[in-house]
Amino acid sequence: MQKSRIYLIAIFTLTSFFFQLASAQDVPLLFKQAANAEIGLNEQQALDIYKKILVLAPDNLNALVKATELSCSTGERLPIANDKRITFQSALAFAQRAVAAHPETAESYYALALASAKMTEVEKDKKILVQYVKDIKINADKALRINPNLGMANFVEGRWHYEIQTPTARRAE
């Protein structure tokens, strides 16, 4: 009885080790497939591949940032407001995971600023909307403090300044 239990534990341990090894080898291949999907302008397929990567490597910064960007991009083109909200909320969740896993990187704060910006497009509650607007500035500033040359963080910050200086009511005229 004791020997069979030890054998089962050994088999389980070896099986899980080989599964992890096979999964680790799949991640670079999946990144290549996702990059090819993006090059082919198939953003939904690329997003699905990045989600697969996140199942295998939940704290992978590149996959979290790309999933955030692609969720924002695909959500922008959805015609139904509720679908847009759900997609932007998933982008926000990816970005929050990126910051939680990598608080020292500028890319994670850029992703959080980007997702917060997209949430302002679908939020109806004024208090929450104001908080998202503040979050854009705070997180873009954090990203730029860490890496002042991060182009996308500079873009998000510049867009924030433009939106603050040019209110929607004045732009509509």
N, C-alpha and C. Protein backbone atom coordinates (compact mmCIF):
# COMPACT_ATOMS: atom_id res chain seq x y z
N MET A 1 0.83 -1.20 0.00
CA MET A 1 0.00 0.00 0.00
C MET A 1 0.87 1.26 0.00
N GLN A 2 1.87 1.27 0.88
CA GLN A 2 2.75 2.43 1.01
C GLN A 2 3.57 2.63 -0.27
N LYS A 3 4.06 1.52 -0.87
CA LYS A 3 4.86 1.62 -2.09
C LYS A 3 4.02 2.16 -3.25
N SER A 4 2.79 1.69 -3.37
CA SER A 4 1.94 2.17 -4.46
C SER A 4 1.62 3.65 -4.29
N ARG A 5 1.48 4.09 -3.08
CA ARG A 5 1.22 5.50 -2.80
C ARG A 5 2.44 6.34 -3.21
N ILE A 6 3.63 5.87 -2.91
CA ILE A 6 4.86 6.58 -3.27
C ILE A 6 5.00 6.62 -4.79
N TYR A 7 4.69 5.50 -5.46
CA TYR A 7 4.76 5.46 -6.92
C TYR A 7 3.76 6.44 -7.54
N LEU A 8 2.57 6.50 -7.00
CA LEU A 8 1.57 7.43 -7.52
C LEU A 8 2.02 8.89 -7.34
N ILE A 9 2.58 9.18 -6.20
CA ILE A 9 3.08 10.54 -5.97
C ILE A 9 4.21 10.86 -6.94
N ALA A 10 5.11 9.90 -7.14
CA ALA A 10 6.23 10.11 -8.07
C ALA A 10 5.73 10.30 -9.49
N ILE A 11 4.78 9.50 -9.91
CA ILE A 11 4.22 9.62 -11.26
C ILE A 11 3.52 10.97 -11.42
N PHE A 12 2.74 11.36 -10.43
CA PHE A 12 2.06 12.65 -10.48
C PHE A 12 3.06 13.80 -10.57
N THR A 13 4.11 13.74 -9.78
CA THR A 13 5.13 14.79 -9.77
C THR A 13 5.83 14.87 -11.12
N LEU A 14 6.21 13.74 -11.67
CA LEU A 14 6.88 13.73 -12.98
C LEU A 14 5.94 14.22 -14.08
N THR A 15 4.69 13.79 -14.03
CA THR A 15 3.72 14.23 -15.03
C THR A 15 3.53 15.74 -14.99
N SER A 16 3.38 16.28 -13.79
CA SER A 16 3.20 17.74 -13.68
C SER A 16 4.45 18.48 -14.12
N PHE A 17 5.64 17.91 -13.83
CA PHE A 17 6.89 18.54 -14.26
C PHE A 17 6.97 18.58 -15.78
N PHE A 18 6.66 17.46 -16.44
CA PHE A 18 6.72 17.43 -17.90
C PHE A 18 5.65 18.32 -18.52
N PHE A 19 4.50 18.41 -17.89
CA PHE A 19 3.45 19.32 -18.38
C PHE A 19 3.92 20.76 -18.31
N GLN A 20 4.54 21.14 -17.19
CA GLN A 20 5.06 22.50 -17.05
C GLN A 20 6.16 22.77 -18.04
N LEU A 21 7.01 21.80 -18.29
CA LEU A 21 8.08 21.95 -19.26
C LEU A 21 7.51 22.14 -20.66
N ALA A 22 6.51 21.34 -21.01
CA ALA A 22 5.87 21.47 -22.32
C ALA A 22 5.17 22.81 -22.44
N SER A 23 4.52 23.27 -21.36
CA SER A 23 3.84 24.56 -21.37
C SER A 23 4.83 25.69 -21.53
N ALA A 24 5.96 25.60 -20.86
CA ALA A 24 6.97 26.65 -20.95
C ALA A 24 7.51 26.76 -22.37
N GLN A 25 7.59 25.62 -23.06
CA GLN A 25 8.06 25.66 -24.44
C GLN A 25 6.98 26.20 -25.37
N ASP A 26 5.73 26.09 -24.99
CA ASP A 26 4.63 26.59 -25.82
C ASP A 26 4.53 28.11 -25.80
N VAL A 27 4.95 28.74 -24.72
CA VAL A 27 4.78 30.19 -24.58
C VAL A 27 5.49 30.96 -25.70
N PRO A 28 6.76 30.71 -26.01
CA PRO A 28 7.38 31.45 -27.12
C PRO A 28 6.68 31.21 -28.46
N LEU A 29 6.22 29.97 -28.67
CA LEU A 29 5.50 29.67 -29.90
C LEU A 29 4.18 30.45 -29.95
N LEU A 30 3.49 30.52 -28.83
CA LEU A 30 2.23 31.28 -28.78
C LEU A 30 2.47 32.77 -29.00
N PHE A 31 3.58 33.31 -28.45
CA PHE A 31 3.91 34.72 -28.71
C PHE A 31 4.12 34.96 -30.20
N LYS A 32 4.79 34.04 -30.86
CA LYS A 32 5.03 34.17 -32.30
C LYS A 32 3.71 34.13 -33.05
N GLN A 33 2.82 33.23 -32.67
CA GLN A 33 1.51 33.13 -33.32
C GLN A 33 0.70 34.41 -33.10
N ALA A 34 0.76 34.95 -31.88
CA ALA A 34 0.02 36.18 -31.58
C ALA A 34 0.57 37.35 -32.39
N ALA A 35 1.90 37.43 -32.49
CA ALA A 35 2.51 38.50 -33.29
C ALA A 35 2.10 38.38 -34.75
N ASN A 36 2.08 37.16 -35.26
CA ASN A 36 1.66 36.95 -36.65
C ASN A 36 0.19 37.32 -36.85
N ALA A 37 -0.64 37.02 -35.88
CA ALA A 37 -2.06 37.40 -35.98
C ALA A 37 -2.20 38.92 -35.98
N GLU A 38 -1.41 39.60 -35.15
CA GLU A 38 -1.45 41.06 -35.13
C GLU A 38 -0.99 41.64 -36.46
N ILE A 39 0.08 41.08 -37.00
CA ILE A 39 0.59 41.55 -38.30
C ILE A 39 -0.47 41.35 -39.37
N GLY A 40 -1.19 40.26 -39.27
CA GLY A 40 -2.28 39.98 -40.21
C GLY A 40 -3.56 40.73 -39.91
N LEU A 41 -3.49 41.66 -38.95
CA LEU A 41 -4.63 42.50 -38.54
C LEU A 41 -5.81 41.69 -38.02
N ASN A 42 -5.52 40.54 -37.43
CA ASN A 42 -6.56 39.73 -36.81
C ASN A 42 -6.43 39.88 -35.30
N GLU A 43 -6.94 41.00 -34.81
CA GLU A 43 -6.75 41.35 -33.41
C GLU A 43 -7.48 40.41 -32.45
N GLN A 44 -8.65 39.95 -32.83
CA GLN A 44 -9.40 39.05 -31.94
C GLN A 44 -8.65 37.73 -31.77
N GLN A 45 -8.10 37.21 -32.85
CA GLN A 45 -7.32 35.97 -32.76
C GLN A 45 -6.08 36.19 -31.90
N ALA A 46 -5.40 37.32 -32.09
CA ALA A 46 -4.22 37.64 -31.28
C ALA A 46 -4.59 37.74 -29.80
N LEU A 47 -5.71 38.39 -29.51
CA LEU A 47 -6.17 38.51 -28.12
C LEU A 47 -6.42 37.14 -27.52
N ASP A 48 -7.06 36.26 -28.28
CA ASP A 48 -7.33 34.91 -27.78
C ASP A 48 -6.03 34.16 -27.49
N ILE A 49 -5.02 34.36 -28.32
CA ILE A 49 -3.73 33.70 -28.10
C ILE A 49 -3.06 34.27 -26.85
N TYR A 50 -3.13 35.60 -26.67
CA TYR A 50 -2.54 36.18 -25.45
C TYR A 50 -3.26 35.67 -24.20
N LYS A 51 -4.55 35.44 -24.30
CA LYS A 51 -5.28 34.87 -23.16
C LYS A 51 -4.79 33.45 -22.87
N LYS A 52 -4.48 32.68 -23.93
CA LYS A 52 -3.92 31.34 -23.72
C LYS A 52 -2.57 31.43 -23.03
N ILE A 53 -1.77 32.41 -23.43
CA ILE A 53 -0.46 32.60 -22.80
C ILE A 53 -0.66 32.89 -21.31
N LEU A 54 -1.66 33.70 -21.00
CA LEU A 54 -1.90 34.07 -19.60
C LEU A 54 -2.39 32.89 -18.77
N VAL A 55 -2.97 31.89 -19.41
CA VAL A 55 -3.33 30.67 -18.68
C VAL A 55 -2.05 29.93 -18.30
N LEU A 56 -1.08 29.90 -19.22
CA LEU A 56 0.18 29.19 -18.96
C LEU A 56 1.14 30.00 -18.09
N ALA A 57 1.14 31.33 -18.30
CA ALA A 57 2.06 32.21 -17.56
C ALA A 57 1.26 33.42 -17.09
N PRO A 58 0.54 33.31 -15.97
CA PRO A 58 -0.40 34.36 -15.55
C PRO A 58 0.21 35.73 -15.27
N ASP A 59 1.50 35.79 -14.96
CA ASP A 59 2.13 37.07 -14.64
C ASP A 59 3.01 37.61 -15.76
N ASN A 60 2.86 37.11 -16.96
CA ASN A 60 3.69 37.55 -18.07
C ASN A 60 3.32 38.98 -18.46
N LEU A 61 4.25 39.90 -18.25
CA LEU A 61 3.98 41.33 -18.47
C LEU A 61 3.60 41.62 -19.91
N ASN A 62 4.36 41.09 -20.85
CA ASN A 62 4.09 41.37 -22.25
C ASN A 62 2.69 40.90 -22.65
N ALA A 63 2.31 39.72 -22.20
CA ALA A 63 0.98 39.20 -22.52
C ALA A 63 -0.12 40.03 -21.86
N LEU A 64 0.11 40.46 -20.62
CA LEU A 64 -0.89 41.30 -19.94
C LEU A 64 -1.08 42.64 -20.63
N VAL A 65 0.02 43.27 -21.03
CA VAL A 65 -0.06 44.57 -21.71
C VAL A 65 -0.71 44.42 -23.07
N LYS A 66 -0.31 43.39 -23.82
CA LYS A 66 -0.91 43.17 -25.14
C LYS A 66 -2.40 42.84 -25.02
N ALA A 67 -2.77 42.05 -24.02
CA ALA A 67 -4.18 41.72 -23.82
C ALA A 67 -4.97 42.99 -23.49
N THR A 68 -4.37 43.88 -22.71
CA THR A 68 -5.02 45.16 -22.41
C THR A 68 -5.21 45.98 -23.68
N GLU A 69 -4.13 46.14 -24.44
CA GLU A 69 -4.20 46.94 -25.67
C GLU A 69 -5.21 46.37 -26.65
N LEU A 70 -5.17 45.06 -26.85
CA LEU A 70 -6.08 44.45 -27.82
C LEU A 70 -7.52 44.45 -27.34
N SER A 71 -7.74 44.33 -26.05
CA SER A 71 -9.11 44.43 -25.52
C SER A 71 -9.65 45.84 -25.75
N CYS A 72 -8.81 46.84 -25.54
CA CYS A 72 -9.23 48.22 -25.79
C CYS A 72 -9.52 48.43 -27.28
N SER A 73 -8.67 47.90 -28.12
CA SER A 73 -8.82 48.07 -29.56
C SER A 73 -10.05 47.35 -30.10
N THR A 74 -10.24 46.11 -29.70
CA THR A 74 -11.40 45.37 -30.20
C THR A 74 -12.70 45.89 -29.60
N GLY A 75 -12.65 46.31 -28.34
CA GLY A 75 -13.83 46.86 -27.70
C GLY A 75 -14.31 48.14 -28.35
N GLU A 76 -13.38 48.90 -28.87
CA GLU A 76 -13.70 50.17 -29.53
C GLU A 76 -14.63 49.97 -30.72
N ARG A 77 -14.50 48.85 -31.38
CA ARG A 77 -15.27 48.60 -32.61
C ARG A 77 -16.57 47.85 -32.38
N LEU A 78 -16.88 47.52 -31.14
CA LEU A 78 -18.12 46.79 -30.86
C LEU A 78 -19.32 47.73 -30.92
N PRO A 79 -20.39 47.32 -31.59
CA PRO A 79 -21.54 48.23 -31.75
C PRO A 79 -22.44 48.31 -30.51
N ILE A 80 -22.46 47.28 -29.69
CA ILE A 80 -23.36 47.25 -28.55
C ILE A 80 -22.63 47.78 -27.32
N ALA A 81 -23.23 48.75 -26.66
CA ALA A 81 -22.58 49.44 -25.54
C ALA A 81 -22.22 48.49 -24.40
N ASN A 82 -23.08 47.54 -24.10
CA ASN A 82 -22.80 46.61 -23.01
C ASN A 82 -21.60 45.71 -23.34
N ASP A 83 -21.50 45.28 -24.60
CA ASP A 83 -20.35 44.48 -25.01
C ASP A 83 -19.06 45.29 -24.90
N LYS A 84 -19.16 46.56 -25.26
CA LYS A 84 -18.02 47.46 -25.15
C LYS A 84 -17.57 47.57 -23.69
N ARG A 85 -18.54 47.77 -22.80
CA ARG A 85 -18.25 47.89 -21.37
C ARG A 85 -17.56 46.62 -20.84
N ILE A 86 -18.07 45.46 -21.20
CA ILE A 86 -17.49 44.20 -20.74
C ILE A 86 -16.06 44.04 -21.25
N THR A 87 -15.83 44.39 -22.50
CA THR A 87 -14.49 44.27 -23.08
C THR A 87 -13.53 45.24 -22.41
N PHE A 88 -13.97 46.47 -22.16
CA PHE A 88 -13.12 47.45 -21.49
C PHE A 88 -12.85 47.05 -20.04
N GLN A 89 -13.84 46.43 -19.39
CA GLN A 89 -13.62 45.96 -18.02
C GLN A 89 -12.59 44.84 -17.99
N SER A 90 -12.60 43.99 -19.00
CA SER A 90 -11.57 42.94 -19.04
C SER A 90 -10.20 43.55 -19.31
N ALA A 91 -10.15 44.60 -20.12
CA ALA A 91 -8.88 45.31 -20.33
C ALA A 91 -8.37 45.89 -19.02
N LEU A 92 -9.28 46.47 -18.25
CA LEU A 92 -8.91 47.03 -16.95
C LEU A 92 -8.41 45.93 -16.01
N ALA A 93 -9.04 44.77 -16.05
CA ALA A 93 -8.61 43.65 -15.20
C ALA A 93 -7.22 43.17 -15.60
N PHE A 94 -6.94 43.09 -16.91
CA PHE A 94 -5.60 42.71 -17.36
C PHE A 94 -4.56 43.72 -16.88
N ALA A 95 -4.89 45.00 -16.99
CA ALA A 95 -3.96 46.06 -16.58
C ALA A 95 -3.72 46.03 -15.08
N GLN A 96 -4.76 45.81 -14.31
CA GLN A 96 -4.60 45.73 -12.85
C GLN A 96 -3.73 44.53 -12.47
N ARG A 97 -3.88 43.43 -13.18
CA ARG A 97 -3.01 42.27 -12.94
C ARG A 97 -1.56 42.60 -13.28
N ALA A 98 -1.37 43.37 -14.35
CA ALA A 98 0.00 43.75 -14.74
C ALA A 98 0.65 44.61 -13.66
N VAL A 99 -0.09 45.56 -13.12
CA VAL A 99 0.46 46.42 -12.06
C VAL A 99 0.71 45.60 -10.79
N ALA A 100 -0.20 44.70 -10.46
CA ALA A 100 0.00 43.88 -9.27
C ALA A 100 1.22 42.98 -9.39
N ALA A 101 1.45 42.43 -10.59
CA ALA A 101 2.57 41.52 -10.79
C ALA A 101 3.89 42.24 -11.05
N HIS A 102 3.81 43.43 -11.65
CA HIS A 102 5.02 44.17 -12.05
C HIS A 102 4.89 45.66 -11.71
N PRO A 103 4.87 45.99 -10.42
CA PRO A 103 4.71 47.41 -10.06
C PRO A 103 5.92 48.28 -10.38
N GLU A 104 7.00 47.66 -10.79
CA GLU A 104 8.22 48.42 -11.07
C GLU A 104 8.35 48.79 -12.55
N THR A 105 7.42 48.36 -13.40
CA THR A 105 7.56 48.60 -14.83
C THR A 105 6.61 49.69 -15.32
N ALA A 106 7.12 50.47 -16.25
CA ALA A 106 6.34 51.56 -16.83
C ALA A 106 5.20 51.02 -17.68
N GLU A 107 5.43 49.90 -18.35
CA GLU A 107 4.42 49.34 -19.24
C GLU A 107 3.14 48.97 -18.50
N SER A 108 3.28 48.49 -17.27
CA SER A 108 2.08 48.10 -16.52
C SER A 108 1.23 49.33 -16.19
N TYR A 109 1.88 50.44 -15.82
CA TYR A 109 1.13 51.66 -15.51
C TYR A 109 0.54 52.29 -16.78
N TYR A 110 1.28 52.17 -17.89
CA TYR A 110 0.72 52.64 -19.17
C TYR A 110 -0.56 51.88 -19.49
N ALA A 111 -0.52 50.55 -19.32
CA ALA A 111 -1.69 49.73 -19.61
C ALA A 111 -2.87 50.12 -18.73
N LEU A 112 -2.59 50.42 -17.47
CA LEU A 112 -3.67 50.83 -16.55
C LEU A 112 -4.23 52.19 -16.96
N ALA A 113 -3.38 53.09 -17.38
CA ALA A 113 -3.85 54.40 -17.85
C ALA A 113 -4.71 54.24 -19.11
N LEU A 114 -4.27 53.39 -20.02
CA LEU A 114 -5.03 53.15 -21.26
C LEU A 114 -6.40 52.55 -20.96
N ALA A 115 -6.43 51.54 -20.12
CA ALA A 115 -7.71 50.90 -19.77
C ALA A 115 -8.64 51.88 -19.04
N SER A 116 -8.07 52.71 -18.18
CA SER A 116 -8.89 53.72 -17.48
C SER A 116 -9.47 54.71 -18.49
N ALA A 117 -8.69 55.07 -19.50
CA ALA A 117 -9.17 55.98 -20.53
C ALA A 117 -10.35 55.38 -21.29
N LYS A 118 -10.26 54.10 -21.57
CA LYS A 118 -11.36 53.45 -22.29
C LYS A 118 -12.61 53.34 -21.41
N MET A 119 -12.41 53.15 -20.12
CA MET A 119 -13.56 53.06 -19.22
C MET A 119 -14.33 54.39 -19.18
N THR A 120 -13.65 55.51 -19.42
CA THR A 120 -14.37 56.79 -19.42
C THR A 120 -15.38 56.87 -20.56
N GLU A 121 -15.18 56.09 -21.59
CA GLU A 121 -16.09 56.12 -22.74
C GLU A 121 -17.42 55.42 -22.44
N VAL A 122 -17.44 54.53 -21.46
CA VAL A 122 -18.66 53.76 -21.20
C VAL A 122 -19.26 54.01 -19.83
N GLU A 123 -18.55 54.74 -18.98
CA GLU A 123 -19.03 54.96 -17.61
C GLU A 123 -20.09 56.06 -17.59
N LYS A 124 -21.20 55.80 -16.90
CA LYS A 124 -22.28 56.77 -16.81
C LYS A 124 -22.30 57.48 -15.46
N ASP A 125 -21.83 56.83 -14.42
CA ASP A 125 -21.79 57.42 -13.09
C ASP A 125 -20.69 58.48 -13.05
N LYS A 126 -21.07 59.72 -12.75
CA LYS A 126 -20.14 60.85 -12.80
C LYS A 126 -18.98 60.71 -11.82
N LYS A 127 -19.25 60.20 -10.61
CA LYS A 127 -18.18 60.06 -9.62
C LYS A 127 -17.13 59.05 -10.08
N ILE A 128 -17.59 57.95 -10.61
CA ILE A 128 -16.67 56.92 -11.10
C ILE A 128 -15.93 57.44 -12.33
N LEU A 129 -16.64 58.17 -13.17
CA LEU A 129 -16.01 58.76 -14.36
C LEU A 129 -14.86 59.69 -13.98
N VAL A 130 -15.10 60.54 -12.99
CA VAL A 130 -14.06 61.46 -12.53
C VAL A 130 -12.87 60.67 -11.97
N GLN A 131 -13.14 59.58 -11.27
CA GLN A 131 -12.04 58.76 -10.74
C GLN A 131 -11.22 58.14 -11.87
N TYR A 132 -11.89 57.68 -12.93
CA TYR A 132 -11.15 57.14 -14.07
C TYR A 132 -10.28 58.22 -14.73
N VAL A 133 -10.82 59.42 -14.84
CA VAL A 133 -10.05 60.53 -15.43
C VAL A 133 -8.81 60.80 -14.58
N LYS A 134 -8.97 60.80 -13.26
CA LYS A 134 -7.81 60.99 -12.37
C LYS A 134 -6.82 59.84 -12.52
N ASP A 135 -7.35 58.62 -12.63
CA ASP A 135 -6.48 57.44 -12.77
C ASP A 135 -5.64 57.50 -14.04
N ILE A 136 -6.20 58.03 -15.11
CA ILE A 136 -5.43 58.16 -16.36
C ILE A 136 -4.17 58.98 -16.10
N LYS A 137 -4.36 60.14 -15.52
CA LYS A 137 -3.23 61.05 -15.26
C LYS A 137 -2.24 60.44 -14.28
N ILE A 138 -2.73 59.89 -13.18
CA ILE A 138 -1.86 59.32 -12.15
C ILE A 138 -1.01 58.19 -12.72
N ASN A 139 -1.63 57.27 -13.47
CA ASN A 139 -0.90 56.11 -13.98
C ASN A 139 0.01 56.46 -15.15
N ALA A 140 -0.40 57.40 -15.99
CA ALA A 140 0.49 57.84 -17.06
C ALA A 140 1.71 58.54 -16.46
N ASP A 141 1.50 59.35 -15.42
CA ASP A 141 2.63 59.99 -14.73
C ASP A 141 3.57 58.96 -14.11
N LYS A 142 3.01 57.92 -13.48
CA LYS A 142 3.86 56.87 -12.89
C LYS A 142 4.68 56.19 -13.98
N ALA A 143 4.06 55.89 -15.10
CA ALA A 143 4.77 55.24 -16.20
C ALA A 143 5.90 56.13 -16.69
N LEU A 144 5.64 57.42 -16.81
CA LEU A 144 6.66 58.34 -17.33
C LEU A 144 7.74 58.63 -16.31
N ARG A 145 7.43 58.52 -15.03
CA ARG A 145 8.48 58.65 -14.01
C ARG A 145 9.45 57.48 -14.10
N ILE A 146 8.92 56.29 -14.36
CA ILE A 146 9.76 55.10 -14.47
C ILE A 146 10.55 55.12 -15.79
N ASN A 147 9.87 55.46 -16.89
CA ASN A 147 10.52 55.49 -18.20
C ASN A 147 9.97 56.67 -18.99
N PRO A 148 10.69 57.82 -18.97
CA PRO A 148 10.20 59.01 -19.67
C PRO A 148 10.14 58.85 -21.19
N ASN A 149 10.77 57.81 -21.73
CA ASN A 149 10.80 57.61 -23.17
C ASN A 149 9.77 56.60 -23.67
N LEU A 150 8.87 56.18 -22.81
CA LEU A 150 7.84 55.23 -23.22
C LEU A 150 6.80 55.98 -24.06
N GLY A 151 6.86 55.77 -25.35
CA GLY A 151 6.05 56.53 -26.29
C GLY A 151 4.55 56.45 -26.05
N MET A 152 4.05 55.26 -25.77
CA MET A 152 2.61 55.12 -25.60
C MET A 152 2.12 55.80 -24.32
N ALA A 153 2.95 55.82 -23.29
CA ALA A 153 2.56 56.54 -22.06
C ALA A 153 2.53 58.04 -22.34
N ASN A 154 3.49 58.53 -23.14
CA ASN A 154 3.48 59.93 -23.53
C ASN A 154 2.23 60.26 -24.34
N PHE A 155 1.82 59.33 -25.21
CA PHE A 155 0.61 59.54 -26.00
C PHE A 155 -0.62 59.62 -25.10
N VAL A 156 -0.74 58.68 -24.15
CA VAL A 156 -1.91 58.67 -23.25
C VAL A 156 -1.94 59.97 -22.44
N GLU A 157 -0.79 60.39 -21.94
CA GLU A 157 -0.73 61.64 -21.16
C GLU A 157 -1.10 62.84 -22.04
N GLY A 158 -0.58 62.88 -23.26
CA GLY A 158 -0.92 63.98 -24.18
C GLY A 158 -2.39 63.99 -24.51
N ARG A 159 -2.96 62.82 -24.73
CA ARG A 159 -4.39 62.72 -25.02
C ARG A 159 -5.22 63.20 -23.82
N TRP A 160 -4.75 62.86 -22.61
CA TRP A 160 -5.43 63.31 -21.40
C TRP A 160 -5.45 64.84 -21.35
N HIS A 161 -4.29 65.47 -21.61
CA HIS A 161 -4.23 66.93 -21.61
C HIS A 161 -5.15 67.52 -22.68
N TYR A 162 -5.19 66.92 -23.85
CA TYR A 162 -6.06 67.41 -24.91
C TYR A 162 -7.52 67.33 -24.48
N GLU A 163 -7.91 66.19 -23.92
CA GLU A 163 -9.31 66.00 -23.50
C GLU A 163 -9.69 66.98 -22.38
N ILE A 164 -8.77 67.28 -21.49
CA ILE A 164 -9.06 68.23 -20.40
C ILE A 164 -9.18 69.64 -20.96
N GLN A 165 -8.32 69.99 -21.91
CA GLN A 165 -8.35 71.34 -22.49
C GLN A 165 -9.49 71.54 -23.47
N THR A 166 -9.98 70.46 -24.07
CA THR A 166 -11.03 70.55 -25.07
C THR A 166 -12.23 69.72 -24.63
N PRO A 167 -13.08 70.28 -23.79
CA PRO A 167 -14.24 69.51 -23.32
C PRO A 167 -15.13 69.06 -24.48
N THR A 168 -15.87 68.00 -24.29
CA THR A 168 -16.71 67.41 -25.32
C THR A 168 -17.70 68.41 -25.87
N ALA A 169 -18.26 69.23 -25.01
CA ALA A 169 -19.27 70.21 -25.47
C ALA A 169 -18.66 71.18 -26.48
N ARG A 170 -17.43 71.64 -26.24
CA ARG A 170 -16.79 72.58 -27.15
C ARG A 170 -16.37 71.88 -28.45
N ARG A 171 -15.94 70.60 -28.38
CA ARG A 171 -15.51 69.88 -29.57
C ARG A 171 -16.69 69.62 -30.50
N ALA A 172 -17.89 69.48 -29.96
CA ALA A 172 -19.07 69.18 -30.76
C ALA A 172 -19.50 70.38 -31.61
N GLU A 173 -19.11 71.56 -31.23
CA GLU A 173 -19.53 72.77 -31.96
C GLU A 173 -18.81 72.93 -33.26
